Amino acid sequence: METVAVDRRSEANASWFAAEAGRLAEVCQAMAERFARGGRLLATGDVSDSRHVAVEFVHPVLVGKRALPALAVTPGELALLAEPDDMVMAFGVEIPSTPAMVIELAPPVDDPFIRQELVETAYHVLWELVHVFIEHTERNVHDTGAASFLYPFLGERETDVESVRKDVRRSILMKAEEIGELRRQTLTENRDTLIAAADAMRRARCVLALGNGGSATDATDLVADLERAGRAAIDLTADPAIITAVANDVGVEAIFARQVIAYGRPGDALVALSTSGGSGNVITALREARSRGLATIALVGYDGGQIAAEQLADHVVVTRSQHIPRIQEAQASAYHVLCELIG
């Protein structure tokens, strides 16, 4: 794995967010105003990005922050659902004529992997910071409370909206710098692990991928990338009927392991994505995969959690952060590099 892969990501990240931070702050404000009027965020096009947007806005990990209405829809559904106060994000598709506000995230980058990584960071930032404007609109006083670590420079004070925009812009630039450093840590510190994991995936007959929430959408993205490269892959997060049947009748911890039993064969590989490194259903699936002779690869955050501590996977890639959106963004870079190494 060449250093240039890291440098290209760092340069693209720094230049695009430096150019776009002001516009993204304005988009945050416009989204807050529309959410306040009952608007919804409709994401369409690429399935993994659309679903990732929906799950982040509907299921925020911030204590005390509201669930914001967001849906992953097809272009046809978009045409039927969109209303004037709604917002639309499109990923890789032309948007039909719509009365809704269109949010364009289009980094001028040729590399599709790096472009997707920048877009993922951008919609994470919009999700994190739209709450600033929502609360300002409601109270005209911004109190970040327990979530202050997400909002650098934003303390409790009387402020006008222009001041909020400026502070949000600064926060965006800080987040961009943070993810740039975290991508570098993930790709350089885990260099040998990534090379070994790519070799295991290259030799595999089929790659199975899994994760929860935003990590589920990253598993979907990984599978799509492998399929585009002509490699067999199965997304264990894709079928809600299987997942809900197993969760209802057996338990949530079995939703992936049951599928490993059904689909996994000796010589296959399992890629597990977990920001915590301790999700019960991920750990159960890794153990099941090992018992069946699958190669196991885990992408984990924090300090690696139980998966790293107990070496529950053959290859463990650790992204050393406690900030879930940044972990997922760096993990996207890691599995994109895996795809590049597989060739």
C-alpha atoms as a PDB file:
ATOM      1  CA  MET A   1       0.000   0.000   0.000  1.00  0.00           C
ATOM      2  CA  GLU A   2       1.591   3.234  -1.166  1.00  0.00           C
ATOM      3  CA  THR A   3       1.876   6.414   0.894  1.00  0.00           C
ATOM      4  CA  VAL A   4       0.381   8.226  -2.087  1.00  0.00           C
ATOM      5  CA  ALA A   5      -3.009   6.644  -1.259  1.00  0.00           C
ATOM      6  CA  VAL A   6      -2.932   8.430   2.089  1.00  0.00           C
ATOM      7  CA  ASP A   7      -1.599  11.700   0.681  1.00  0.00           C
ATOM      8  CA  ARG A   8      -4.236  11.872  -2.072  1.00  0.00           C
ATOM      9  CA  ARG A   9      -6.978  11.509   0.519  1.00  0.00           C
ATOM     10  CA  SER A  10      -5.469  14.139   2.794  1.00  0.00           C
ATOM     11  CA  GLU A  11      -5.047  16.660  -0.003  1.00  0.00           C
ATOM     12  CA  ALA A  12      -8.559  16.139  -1.408  1.00  0.00           C
ATOM     13  CA  ASN A  13     -10.110  16.345   2.062  1.00  0.00           C
ATOM     14  CA  ALA A  14      -8.292  19.549   3.036  1.00  0.00           C
ATOM     15  CA  SER A  15      -8.891  21.391  -0.235  1.00  0.00           C
ATOM     16  CA  TRP A  16     -12.574  20.501  -0.673  1.00  0.00           C
ATOM     17  CA  PHE A  17     -13.665  21.326   2.872  1.00  0.00           C
ATOM     18  CA  ALA A  18     -11.649  24.552   2.836  1.00  0.00           C
ATOM     19  CA  ALA A  19     -13.604  25.564  -0.272  1.00  0.00           C
ATOM     20  CA  GLU A  20     -16.997  24.283   0.897  1.00  0.00           C
ATOM     21  CA  ALA A  21     -17.125  24.970   4.657  1.00  0.00           C
ATOM     22  CA  GLY A  22     -19.039  28.233   4.254  1.00  0.00           C
ATOM     23  CA  ARG A  23     -21.600  26.708   1.890  1.00  0.00           C
ATOM     24  CA  LEU A  24     -22.073  23.674   4.134  1.00  0.00           C
ATOM     25  CA  ALA A  25     -22.755  25.991   7.091  1.00  0.00           C
ATOM     26  CA  GLU A  26     -25.429  27.761   5.024  1.00  0.00           C
ATOM     27  CA  VAL A  27     -26.917  24.392   4.043  1.00  0.00           C
ATOM     28  CA  CYS A  28     -27.102  23.443   7.745  1.00  0.00           C
ATOM     29  CA  GLN A  29     -29.090  26.598   8.426  1.00  0.00           C
ATOM     30  CA  ALA A  30     -31.452  26.024   5.492  1.00  0.00           C
ATOM     31  CA  MET A  31     -32.030  22.415   6.572  1.00  0.00           C
ATOM     32  CA  ALA A  32     -32.818  23.490  10.127  1.00  0.00           C
ATOM     33  CA  GLU A  33     -35.408  25.961   8.878  1.00  0.00           C
ATOM     34  CA  ARG A  34     -37.070  23.283   6.747  1.00  0.00           C
ATOM     35  CA  PHE A  35     -37.034  20.664   9.492  1.00  0.00           C
ATOM     36  CA  ALA A  36     -38.683  23.266  11.753  1.00  0.00           C
ATOM     37  CA  ARG A  37     -41.476  23.621   9.187  1.00  0.00           C
ATOM     38  CA  GLY A  38     -42.031  19.863   9.050  1.00  0.00           C
ATOM     39  CA  GLY A  39     -39.792  19.135   6.072  1.00  0.00           C
ATOM     40  CA  ARG A  40     -38.147  15.763   5.463  1.00  0.00           C
ATOM     41  CA  LEU A  41     -34.771  14.788   4.077  1.00  0.00           C
ATOM     42  CA  LEU A  42     -35.150  12.444   1.089  1.00  0.00           C
ATOM     43  CA  ALA A  43     -31.985  10.620  -0.003  1.00  0.00           C
ATOM     44  CA  THR A  44     -31.934   8.824  -3.336  1.00  0.00           C
ATOM     45  CA  GLY A  45     -29.601   7.044  -5.723  1.00  0.00           C
ATOM     46  CA  ASP A  46     -26.752   4.940  -4.340  1.00  0.00           C
ATOM     47  CA  VAL A  47     -28.328   2.589  -1.799  1.00  0.00           C
ATOM     48  CA  SER A  48     -25.538   2.639   0.768  1.00  0.00           C
ATOM     49  CA  ASP A  49     -25.230   6.434   0.943  1.00  0.00           C
ATOM     50  CA  SER A  50     -29.004   6.941   0.876  1.00  0.00           C
ATOM     51  CA  ARG A  51     -29.546   4.519   3.737  1.00  0.00           C
ATOM     52  CA  HIS A  52     -26.605   5.960   5.640  1.00  0.00           C
ATOM     53  CA  VAL A  53     -28.143   9.435   5.492  1.00  0.00           C
ATOM     54  CA  ALA A  54     -31.499   8.085   6.656  1.00  0.00           C
ATOM     55  CA  VAL A  55     -30.162   6.105   9.602  1.00  0.00           C
ATOM     56  CA  GLU A  56     -27.975   8.950  10.893  1.00  0.00           C
ATOM     57  CA  PHE A  57     -30.709  11.577  10.884  1.00  0.00           C
ATOM     58  CA  VAL A  58     -33.449   9.290  12.231  1.00  0.00           C
ATOM     59  CA  HIS A  59     -31.326   7.535  14.853  1.00  0.00           C
ATOM     60  CA  PRO A  60     -28.873  10.115  16.197  1.00  0.00           C
ATOM     61  CA  VAL A  61     -26.396   8.902  18.800  1.00  0.00           C
ATOM     62  CA  LEU A  62     -26.505  12.280  20.538  1.00  0.00           C
ATOM     63  CA  VAL A  63     -28.346  12.086  23.848  1.00  0.00           C
ATOM     64  CA  GLY A  64     -31.231  14.507  23.913  1.00  0.00           C
ATOM     65  CA  LYS A  65     -31.141  15.327  20.209  1.00  0.00           C
ATOM     66  CA  ARG A  66     -34.291  14.739  18.240  1.00  0.00           C
ATOM     67  CA  ALA A  67     -34.820  12.181  15.503  1.00  0.00           C
ATOM     68  CA  LEU A  68     -35.075  14.084  12.244  1.00  0.00           C
ATOM     69  CA  PRO A  69     -37.276  12.717   9.433  1.00  0.00           C
ATOM     70  CA  ALA A  70     -35.095  11.235   6.699  1.00  0.00           C
ATOM     71  CA  LEU A  71     -35.936   8.553   4.152  1.00  0.00           C
ATOM     72  CA  ALA A  72     -33.944   6.549   1.620  1.00  0.00           C
ATOM     73  CA  VAL A  73     -36.101   6.480  -1.522  1.00  0.00           C
ATOM     74  CA  THR A  74     -35.897   5.506  -5.182  1.00  0.00           C
ATOM     75  CA  PRO A  75     -36.077   8.257  -7.821  1.00  0.00           C
ATOM     76  CA  GLY A  76     -39.641   7.124  -8.556  1.00  0.00           C
ATOM     77  CA  GLU A  77     -40.631   7.375  -4.905  1.00  0.00           C
ATOM     78  CA  LEU A  78     -38.965  10.781  -4.723  1.00  0.00           C
ATOM     79  CA  ALA A  79     -41.212  12.086  -7.479  1.00  0.00           C
ATOM     80  CA  LEU A  80     -44.269  10.952  -5.511  1.00  0.00           C
ATOM     81  CA  LEU A  81     -43.179  12.020  -2.041  1.00  0.00           C
ATOM     82  CA  ALA A  82     -41.300  15.323  -2.389  1.00  0.00           C
ATOM     83  CA  GLU A  83     -43.007  18.445  -1.030  1.00  0.00           C
ATOM     84  CA  PRO A  84     -41.843  22.091  -1.038  1.00  0.00           C
ATOM     85  CA  ASP A  85     -40.381  22.049   2.486  1.00  0.00           C
ATOM     86  CA  ASP A  86     -38.496  18.787   1.909  1.00  0.00           C
ATOM     87  CA  MET A  87     -34.779  18.424   1.113  1.00  0.00           C
ATOM     88  CA  VAL A  88     -33.228  16.063  -1.423  1.00  0.00           C
ATOM     89  CA  MET A  89     -29.766  14.496  -1.547  1.00  0.00           C
ATOM     90  CA  ALA A  90     -29.004  12.459  -4.657  1.00  0.00           C
ATOM     91  CA  PHE A  91     -26.085  10.073  -4.988  1.00  0.00           C
ATOM     92  CA  GLY A  92     -25.086   9.144  -8.519  1.00  0.00           C
ATOM     93  CA  VAL A  93     -28.466   9.772 -10.160  1.00  0.00           C
ATOM     94  CA  GLU A  94     -30.198  12.632 -11.922  1.00  0.00           C
ATOM     95  CA  ILE A  95     -32.882  14.206  -9.762  1.00  0.00           C
ATOM     96  CA  PRO A  96     -36.292  14.500 -11.408  1.00  0.00           C
ATOM     97  CA  SER A  97     -37.991  17.875 -11.275  1.00  0.00           C
ATOM     98  CA  THR A  98     -38.879  18.470  -7.639  1.00  0.00           C
ATOM     99  CA  PRO A  99     -40.377  21.249  -5.496  1.00  0.00           C
ATOM    100  CA  ALA A 100     -37.948  20.347  -2.695  1.00  0.00           C
ATOM    101  CA  MET A 101     -34.596  21.976  -1.944  1.00  0.00           C
ATOM    102  CA  VAL A 102     -31.759  20.056  -3.598  1.00  0.00           C
ATOM    103  CA  ILE A 103     -28.535  19.619  -1.608  1.00  0.00           C
ATOM    104  CA  GLU A 104     -25.581  18.949  -3.890  1.00  0.00           C
ATOM    105  CA  LEU A 105     -22.505  17.162  -2.536  1.00  0.00           C
ATOM    106  CA  ALA A 106     -20.163  16.806  -5.493  1.00  0.00           C
ATOM    107  CA  PRO A 107     -16.429  16.932  -4.757  1.00  0.00           C
ATOM    108  CA  PRO A 108     -14.469  17.499  -8.008  1.00  0.00           C
ATOM    109  CA  VAL A 109     -12.397  14.352  -7.492  1.00  0.00           C
ATOM    110  CA  ASP A 110     -11.788  11.701 -10.163  1.00  0.00           C
ATOM    111  CA  ASP A 111     -11.185   8.795  -7.778  1.00  0.00           C
ATOM    112  CA  PRO A 112     -14.645   7.348  -6.958  1.00  0.00           C
ATOM    113  CA  PHE A 113     -13.485   5.935  -3.615  1.00  0.00           C
ATOM    114  CA  ILE A 114     -12.091   9.255  -2.389  1.00  0.00           C
ATOM    115  CA  ARG A 115     -15.137  11.108  -3.705  1.00  0.00           C
ATOM    116  CA  GLN A 116     -17.460   8.829  -1.717  1.00  0.00           C
ATOM    117  CA  GLU A 117     -15.353   9.300   1.427  1.00  0.00           C
ATOM    118  CA  LEU A 118     -15.629  13.083   1.159  1.00  0.00           C
ATOM    119  CA  VAL A 119     -19.373  12.889   0.549  1.00  0.00           C
ATOM    120  CA  GLU A 120     -19.830  10.648   3.599  1.00  0.00           C
ATOM    121  CA  THR A 121     -17.955  13.121   5.772  1.00  0.00           C
ATOM    122  CA  ALA A 122     -20.068  15.963   4.357  1.00  0.00           C
ATOM    123  CA  TYR A 123     -23.437  14.421   5.182  1.00  0.00           C
ATOM    124  CA  HIS A 124     -22.178  13.384   8.606  1.00  0.00           C
ATOM    125  CA  VAL A 125     -21.167  17.002   9.242  1.00  0.00           C
ATOM    126  CA  LEU A 126     -24.580  18.243   8.088  1.00  0.00           C
ATOM    127  CA  TRP A 127     -26.254  15.795  10.467  1.00  0.00           C
ATOM    128  CA  GLU A 128     -24.044  16.795  13.409  1.00  0.00           C
ATOM    129  CA  LEU A 129     -24.339  20.545  12.953  1.00  0.00           C
ATOM    130  CA  VAL A 130     -27.926  21.031  11.788  1.00  0.00           C
ATOM    131  CA  HIS A 131     -28.907  20.671  15.463  1.00  0.00           C
ATOM    132  CA  VAL A 132     -26.987  23.875  16.224  1.00  0.00           C
ATOM    133  CA  PHE A 133     -29.301  25.915  14.016  1.00  0.00           C
ATOM    134  CA  ILE A 134     -32.405  24.046  15.174  1.00  0.00           C
ATOM    135  CA  GLU A 135     -31.664  24.958  18.771  1.00  0.00           C
ATOM    136  CA  HIS A 136     -30.704  28.527  17.875  1.00  0.00           C
ATOM    137  CA  THR A 137     -33.996  28.978  16.048  1.00  0.00           C
ATOM    138  CA  GLU A 138     -35.943  27.655  19.038  1.00  0.00           C
ATOM    139  CA  ARG A 139     -34.118  29.495  21.807  1.00  0.00           C
ATOM    140  CA  ASN A 140     -31.850  32.109  20.263  1.00  0.00           C
ATOM    141  CA  VAL A 141     -29.350  30.850  22.836  1.00  0.00           C
ATOM    142  CA  HIS A 142     -27.048  28.011  21.960  1.00  0.00           C
ATOM    143  CA  ASP A 143     -26.281  25.547  24.731  1.00  0.00           C
ATOM    144  CA  THR A 144     -24.354  22.523  23.487  1.00  0.00           C
ATOM    145  CA  GLY A 145     -24.726  20.682  26.784  1.00  0.00           C
ATOM    146  CA  ALA A 146     -23.480  17.096  26.901  1.00  0.00           C
ATOM    147  CA  ALA A 147     -22.831  17.127  23.150  1.00  0.00           C
ATOM    148  CA  SER A 148     -20.316  19.999  23.310  1.00  0.00           C
ATOM    149  CA  PHE A 149     -17.525  17.798  21.964  1.00  0.00           C
ATOM    150  CA  LEU A 150     -19.328  17.831  18.605  1.00  0.00           C
ATOM    151  CA  TYR A 151     -19.469  21.601  18.380  1.00  0.00           C
ATOM    152  CA  PRO A 152     -16.040  23.231  18.780  1.00  0.00           C
ATOM    153  CA  PHE A 153     -16.194  26.930  19.685  1.00  0.00           C
ATOM    154  CA  LEU A 154     -19.927  26.795  20.380  1.00  0.00           C
ATOM    155  CA  GLY A 155     -20.667  27.690  23.990  1.00  0.00           C
ATOM    156  CA  GLU A 156     -23.735  29.008  25.723  1.00  0.00           C
ATOM    157  CA  ARG A 157     -24.187  32.632  24.758  1.00  0.00           C
ATOM    158  CA  GLU A 158     -26.560  35.062  23.144  1.00  0.00           C
ATOM    159  CA  THR A 159     -25.717  35.189  19.473  1.00  0.00           C
ATOM    160  CA  ASP A 160     -27.117  36.127  16.091  1.00  0.00           C
ATOM    161  CA  VAL A 161     -27.418  33.693  13.245  1.00  0.00           C
ATOM    162  CA  GLU A 162     -24.409  35.119  11.406  1.00  0.00           C
ATOM    163  CA  SER A 163     -22.228  34.327  14.420  1.00  0.00           C
ATOM    164  CA  VAL A 164     -23.641  30.797  14.493  1.00  0.00           C
ATOM    165  CA  ARG A 165     -22.821  30.369  10.794  1.00  0.00           C
ATOM    166  CA  LYS A 166     -19.243  31.492  11.374  1.00  0.00           C
ATOM    167  CA  ASP A 167     -18.807  29.132  14.303  1.00  0.00           C
ATOM    168  CA  VAL A 168     -20.339  26.243  12.366  1.00  0.00           C
ATOM    169  CA  ARG A 169     -17.935  26.937   9.494  1.00  0.00           C
ATOM    170  CA  ARG A 170     -15.004  26.757  11.908  1.00  0.00           C
ATOM    171  CA  SER A 171     -16.381  23.534  13.355  1.00  0.00           C
ATOM    172  CA  ILE A 172     -16.623  22.033   9.856  1.00  0.00           C
ATOM    173  CA  LEU A 173     -12.981  22.858   9.193  1.00  0.00           C
ATOM    174  CA  MET A 174     -11.974  21.278  12.500  1.00  0.00           C
ATOM    175  CA  LYS A 175     -13.924  18.126  11.692  1.00  0.00           C
ATOM    176  CA  ALA A 176     -12.285  17.970   8.259  1.00  0.00           C
ATOM    177  CA  GLU A 177      -8.859  18.223   9.881  1.00  0.00           C
ATOM    178  CA  GLU A 178      -9.802  15.554  12.410  1.00  0.00           C
ATOM    179  CA  ILE A 179     -10.890  13.034   9.776  1.00  0.00           C
ATOM    180  CA  GLY A 180      -7.813  13.759   7.676  1.00  0.00           C
ATOM    181  CA  GLU A 181      -5.593  12.822  10.604  1.00  0.00           C
ATOM    182  CA  LEU A 182      -7.726   9.785  11.473  1.00  0.00           C
ATOM    183  CA  ARG A 183      -7.617   8.429   7.919  1.00  0.00           C
ATOM    184  CA  ARG A 184      -3.829   8.737   7.990  1.00  0.00           C
ATOM    185  CA  GLN A 185      -3.645   6.895  11.329  1.00  0.00           C
ATOM    186  CA  THR A 186      -5.958   4.133  10.125  1.00  0.00           C
ATOM    187  CA  LEU A 187      -4.149   3.517   6.845  1.00  0.00           C
ATOM    188  CA  THR A 188      -0.567   3.840   8.090  1.00  0.00           C
ATOM    189  CA  GLU A 189      -0.785   2.165  11.495  1.00  0.00           C
ATOM    190  CA  ASN A 190      -2.733  -0.759  10.017  1.00  0.00           C
ATOM    191  CA  ARG A 191      -0.739  -1.004   6.782  1.00  0.00           C
ATOM    192  CA  ASP A 192       0.467  -4.588   7.253  1.00  0.00           C
ATOM    193  CA  THR A 193      -2.922  -5.734   8.533  1.00  0.00           C
ATOM    194  CA  LEU A 194      -4.693  -4.262   5.503  1.00  0.00           C
ATOM    195  CA  ILE A 195      -2.275  -5.975   3.116  1.00  0.00           C
ATOM    196  CA  ALA A 196      -2.783  -9.333   4.837  1.00  0.00           C
ATOM    197  CA  ALA A 197      -6.570  -8.862   4.939  1.00  0.00           C
ATOM    198  CA  ALA A 198      -6.652  -7.994   1.235  1.00  0.00           C
ATOM    199  CA  ASP A 199      -4.730 -11.177   0.477  1.00  0.00           C
ATOM    200  CA  ALA A 200      -7.276 -13.230   2.432  1.00  0.00           C
ATOM    201  CA  MET A 201     -10.150 -11.549   0.597  1.00  0.00           C
ATOM    202  CA  ARG A 202      -8.440 -12.043  -2.783  1.00  0.00           C
ATOM    203  CA  ARG A 203      -8.190 -15.795  -2.151  1.00  0.00           C
ATOM    204  CA  ALA A 204     -11.775 -16.090  -0.879  1.00  0.00           C
ATOM    205  CA  ARG A 205     -14.484 -17.660  -3.022  1.00  0.00           C
ATOM    206  CA  CYS A 206     -16.986 -15.184  -1.611  1.00  0.00           C
ATOM    207  CA  VAL A 207     -16.856 -12.247   0.827  1.00  0.00           C
ATOM    208  CA  LEU A 208     -19.646 -11.763   3.380  1.00  0.00           C
ATOM    209  CA  ALA A 209     -20.017  -8.327   4.995  1.00  0.00           C
ATOM    210  CA  LEU A 210     -21.991  -7.062   7.981  1.00  0.00           C
ATOM    211  CA  GLY A 211     -22.460  -4.208  10.442  1.00  0.00           C
ATOM    212  CA  ASN A 212     -25.115  -2.354  12.435  1.00  0.00           C
ATOM    213  CA  GLY A 213     -26.687   1.029  11.618  1.00  0.00           C
ATOM    214  CA  GLY A 214     -24.301   3.238   9.680  1.00  0.00           C
ATOM    215  CA  SER A 215     -21.852   0.329   9.598  1.00  0.00           C
ATOM    216  CA  ALA A 216     -24.550  -1.731   7.881  1.00  0.00           C
ATOM    217  CA  THR A 217     -24.640   0.796   5.062  1.00  0.00           C
ATOM    218  CA  ASP A 218     -20.836   0.626   4.849  1.00  0.00           C
ATOM    219  CA  ALA A 219     -21.117  -3.163   4.515  1.00  0.00           C
ATOM    220  CA  THR A 220     -23.547  -2.553   1.643  1.00  0.00           C
ATOM    221  CA  ASP A 221     -21.051  -0.171   0.045  1.00  0.00           C
ATOM    222  CA  LEU A 222     -18.199  -2.670   0.376  1.00  0.00           C
ATOM    223  CA  VAL A 223     -20.247  -5.434  -1.237  1.00  0.00           C
ATOM    224  CA  ALA A 224     -21.211  -3.134  -4.122  1.00  0.00           C
ATOM    225  CA  ASP A 225     -17.551  -2.201  -4.644  1.00  0.00           C
ATOM    226  CA  LEU A 226     -16.509  -5.861  -4.716  1.00  0.00           C
ATOM    227  CA  GLU A 227     -19.293  -6.772  -7.127  1.00  0.00           C
ATOM    228  CA  ARG A 228     -18.304  -3.929  -9.464  1.00  0.00           C
ATOM    229  CA  ALA A 229     -14.814  -5.445  -9.480  1.00  0.00           C
ATOM    230  CA  GLY A 230     -16.268  -8.811 -10.481  1.00  0.00           C
ATOM    231  CA  ARG A 231     -15.937 -10.509  -7.105  1.00  0.00           C
ATOM    232  CA  ALA A 232     -18.622 -12.553  -5.347  1.00  0.00           C
ATOM    233  CA  ALA A 233     -19.926 -10.881  -2.203  1.00  0.00           C
ATOM    234  CA  ILE A 234     -23.001 -11.093   0.032  1.00  0.00           C
ATOM    235  CA  ASP A 235     -24.416  -8.261   2.138  1.00  0.00           C
ATOM    236  CA  LEU A 236     -25.748  -9.778   5.367  1.00  0.00           C
ATOM    237  CA  THR A 237     -27.579  -6.538   6.185  1.00  0.00           C
ATOM    238  CA  ALA A 238     -29.626  -6.432   2.985  1.00  0.00           C
ATOM    239  CA  ASP A 239     -32.704  -8.548   3.712  1.00  0.00           C
ATOM    240  CA  PRO A 240     -35.008  -7.022   6.364  1.00  0.00           C
ATOM    241  CA  ALA A 241     -37.275 -10.089   6.313  1.00  0.00           C
ATOM    242  CA  ILE A 242     -34.427 -12.387   7.377  1.00  0.00           C
ATOM    243  CA  ILE A 243     -33.058  -9.917   9.920  1.00  0.00           C
ATOM    244  CA  THR A 244     -36.415  -9.208  11.555  1.00  0.00           C
ATOM    245  CA  ALA A 245     -37.448 -12.876  11.524  1.00  0.00           C
ATOM    246  CA  VAL A 246     -34.278 -13.963  13.312  1.00  0.00           C
ATOM    247  CA  ALA A 247     -34.391 -10.988  15.696  1.00  0.00           C
ATOM    248  CA  ASN A 248     -38.020 -11.682  16.578  1.00  0.00           C
ATOM    249  CA  ASP A 249     -37.861 -15.478  16.864  1.00  0.00           C
ATOM    250  CA  VAL A 250     -34.298 -16.067  18.103  1.00  0.00           C
ATOM    251  CA  GLY A 251     -32.762 -12.752  19.160  1.00  0.00           C
ATOM    252  CA  VAL A 252     -30.800  -9.807  17.827  1.00  0.00           C
ATOM    253  CA  GLU A 253     -27.447 -11.439  18.566  1.00  0.00           C
ATOM    254  CA  ALA A 254     -28.188 -14.166  16.014  1.00  0.00           C
ATOM    255  CA  ILE A 255     -29.148 -11.983  13.013  1.00  0.00           C
ATOM    256  CA  PHE A 256     -25.737 -12.279  11.340  1.00  0.00           C
ATOM    257  CA  ALA A 257     -24.536 -15.607  12.726  1.00  0.00           C
ATOM    258  CA  ARG A 258     -27.629 -17.343  11.352  1.00  0.00           C
ATOM    259  CA  GLN A 259     -26.755 -16.064   7.888  1.00  0.00           C
ATOM    260  CA  VAL A 260     -23.125 -17.115   8.274  1.00  0.00           C
ATOM    261  CA  ILE A 261     -24.430 -20.628   8.989  1.00  0.00           C
ATOM    262  CA  ALA A 262     -26.586 -20.476   5.862  1.00  0.00           C
ATOM    263  CA  TYR A 263     -24.157 -18.887   3.397  1.00  0.00           C
ATOM    264  CA  GLY A 264     -20.614 -19.210   4.727  1.00  0.00           C
ATOM    265  CA  ARG A 265     -18.333 -21.963   3.482  1.00  0.00           C
ATOM    266  CA  PRO A 266     -14.737 -22.839   4.283  1.00  0.00           C
ATOM    267  CA  GLY A 267     -12.482 -20.572   2.260  1.00  0.00           C
ATOM    268  CA  ASP A 268     -14.910 -17.651   2.275  1.00  0.00           C
ATOM    269  CA  ALA A 269     -14.129 -14.410   4.094  1.00  0.00           C
ATOM    270  CA  LEU A 270     -16.224 -12.365   6.510  1.00  0.00           C
ATOM    271  CA  VAL A 271     -15.718  -8.602   6.887  1.00  0.00           C
ATOM    272  CA  ALA A 272     -17.282  -7.152  10.044  1.00  0.00           C
ATOM    273  CA  LEU A 273     -17.595  -3.399  10.641  1.00  0.00           C
ATOM    274  CA  SER A 274     -18.142  -2.126  14.177  1.00  0.00           C
ATOM    275  CA  THR A 275     -17.428   1.308  15.593  1.00  0.00           C
ATOM    276  CA  SER A 276     -17.295  -0.050  19.158  1.00  0.00           C
ATOM    277  CA  GLY A 277     -15.607  -3.386  18.584  1.00  0.00           C
ATOM    278  CA  GLY A 278     -18.064  -4.879  21.052  1.00  0.00           C
ATOM    279  CA  SER A 279     -21.427  -5.393  19.317  1.00  0.00           C
ATOM    280  CA  GLY A 280     -22.856  -8.729  20.413  1.00  0.00           C
ATOM    281  CA  ASN A 281     -24.255  -9.753  17.047  1.00  0.00           C
ATOM    282  CA  VAL A 282     -20.963  -8.930  15.315  1.00  0.00           C
ATOM    283  CA  ILE A 283     -18.943 -10.933  17.841  1.00  0.00           C
ATOM    284  CA  THR A 284     -21.323 -13.906  17.540  1.00  0.00           C
ATOM    285  CA  ALA A 285     -20.991 -13.833  13.751  1.00  0.00           C
ATOM    286  CA  LEU A 286     -17.189 -13.670  13.895  1.00  0.00           C
ATOM    287  CA  ARG A 287     -17.071 -16.670  16.213  1.00  0.00           C
ATOM    288  CA  GLU A 288     -19.446 -18.611  13.981  1.00  0.00           C
ATOM    289  CA  ALA A 289     -17.400 -17.735  10.901  1.00  0.00           C
ATOM    290  CA  ARG A 290     -14.165 -18.933  12.519  1.00  0.00           C
ATOM    291  CA  SER A 291     -15.748 -22.208  13.534  1.00  0.00           C
ATOM    292  CA  ARG A 292     -16.726 -22.762   9.896  1.00  0.00           C
ATOM    293  CA  GLY A 293     -13.330 -22.040   8.393  1.00  0.00           C
ATOM    294  CA  LEU A 294     -13.922 -18.526   7.053  1.00  0.00           C
ATOM    295  CA  ALA A 295     -11.172 -15.914   7.078  1.00  0.00           C
ATOM    296  CA  THR A 296     -12.275 -13.071   9.350  1.00  0.00           C
ATOM    297  CA  ILE A 297     -11.539  -9.353   9.012  1.00  0.00           C
ATOM    298  CA  ALA A 298     -12.805  -6.735  11.481  1.00  0.00           C
ATOM    299  CA  LEU A 299     -12.780  -2.941  11.127  1.00  0.00           C
ATOM    300  CA  VAL A 300     -13.264  -1.480  14.609  1.00  0.00           C
ATOM    301  CA  GLY A 301     -13.081   1.869  16.402  1.00  0.00           C
ATOM    302  CA  TYR A 302     -12.226   3.170  19.886  1.00  0.00           C
ATOM    303  CA  ASP A 303      -9.355   0.988  21.184  1.00  0.00           C
ATOM    304  CA  GLY A 304     -10.629  -2.016  19.231  1.00  0.00           C
ATOM    305  CA  GLY A 305     -13.017  -3.167  21.946  1.00  0.00           C
ATOM    306  CA  GLN A 306     -13.572  -6.830  22.715  1.00  0.00           C
ATOM    307  CA  ILE A 307     -12.836  -7.862  19.142  1.00  0.00           C
ATOM    308  CA  ALA A 308      -9.273  -6.523  19.315  1.00  0.00           C
ATOM    309  CA  ALA A 309      -8.675  -7.424  22.971  1.00  0.00           C
ATOM    310  CA  GLU A 310      -9.634 -11.063  22.419  1.00  0.00           C
ATOM    311  CA  GLN A 311      -8.383 -11.256  18.808  1.00  0.00           C
ATOM    312  CA  LEU A 312     -11.783 -12.451  17.606  1.00  0.00           C
ATOM    313  CA  ALA A 313     -10.813 -11.868  13.974  1.00  0.00           C
ATOM    314  CA  ASP A 314      -7.778 -12.933  11.972  1.00  0.00           C
ATOM    315  CA  HIS A 315      -7.142  -9.363  10.826  1.00  0.00           C
ATOM    316  CA  VAL A 316      -8.214  -6.423  13.035  1.00  0.00           C
ATOM    317  CA  VAL A 317      -7.999  -2.864  11.682  1.00  0.00           C
ATOM    318  CA  VAL A 318      -8.316  -0.329  14.513  1.00  0.00           C
ATOM    319  CA  THR A 319      -9.376   3.293  13.969  1.00  0.00           C
ATOM    320  CA  ARG A 320      -8.361   5.043  17.174  1.00  0.00           C
ATOM    321  CA  SER A 321     -11.220   7.453  17.850  1.00  0.00           C
ATOM    322  CA  GLN A 322     -14.275   7.659  20.081  1.00  0.00           C
ATOM    323  CA  HIS A 323     -16.264   9.747  17.603  1.00  0.00           C
ATOM    324  CA  ILE A 324     -18.597   7.450  15.663  1.00  0.00           C
ATOM    325  CA  PRO A 325     -19.006   9.504  12.447  1.00  0.00           C
ATOM    326  CA  ARG A 326     -15.229   9.952  12.121  1.00  0.00           C
ATOM    327  CA  ILE A 327     -14.665   6.223  12.772  1.00  0.00           C
ATOM    328  CA  GLN A 328     -17.073   5.286   9.981  1.00  0.00           C
ATOM    329  CA  GLU A 329     -15.445   7.741   7.585  1.00  0.00           C
ATOM    330  CA  ALA A 330     -11.971   6.347   8.258  1.00  0.00           C
ATOM    331  CA  GLN A 331     -13.302   2.799   7.973  1.00  0.00           C
ATOM    332  CA  ALA A 332     -14.654   3.694   4.527  1.00  0.00           C
ATOM    333  CA  SER A 333     -11.116   4.634   3.524  1.00  0.00           C
ATOM    334  CA  ALA A 334      -9.871   1.324   4.949  1.00  0.00           C
ATOM    335  CA  TYR A 335     -12.259  -0.890   3.011  1.00  0.00           C
ATOM    336  CA  HIS A 336     -11.750   1.172  -0.131  1.00  0.00           C
ATOM    337  CA  VAL A 337      -8.021   0.538   0.196  1.00  0.00           C
ATOM    338  CA  LEU A 338      -8.790  -3.161   0.669  1.00  0.00           C
ATOM    339  CA  CYS A 339     -10.644  -3.102  -2.654  1.00  0.00           C
ATOM    340  CA  GLU A 340      -7.706  -1.330  -4.297  1.00  0.00           C
ATOM    341  CA  LEU A 341      -5.244  -3.886  -2.906  1.00  0.00           C
ATOM    342  CA  ILE A 342      -7.384  -6.829  -4.027  1.00  0.00           C
ATOM    343  CA  GLY A 343      -7.267  -5.414  -7.569  1.00  0.00           C
END
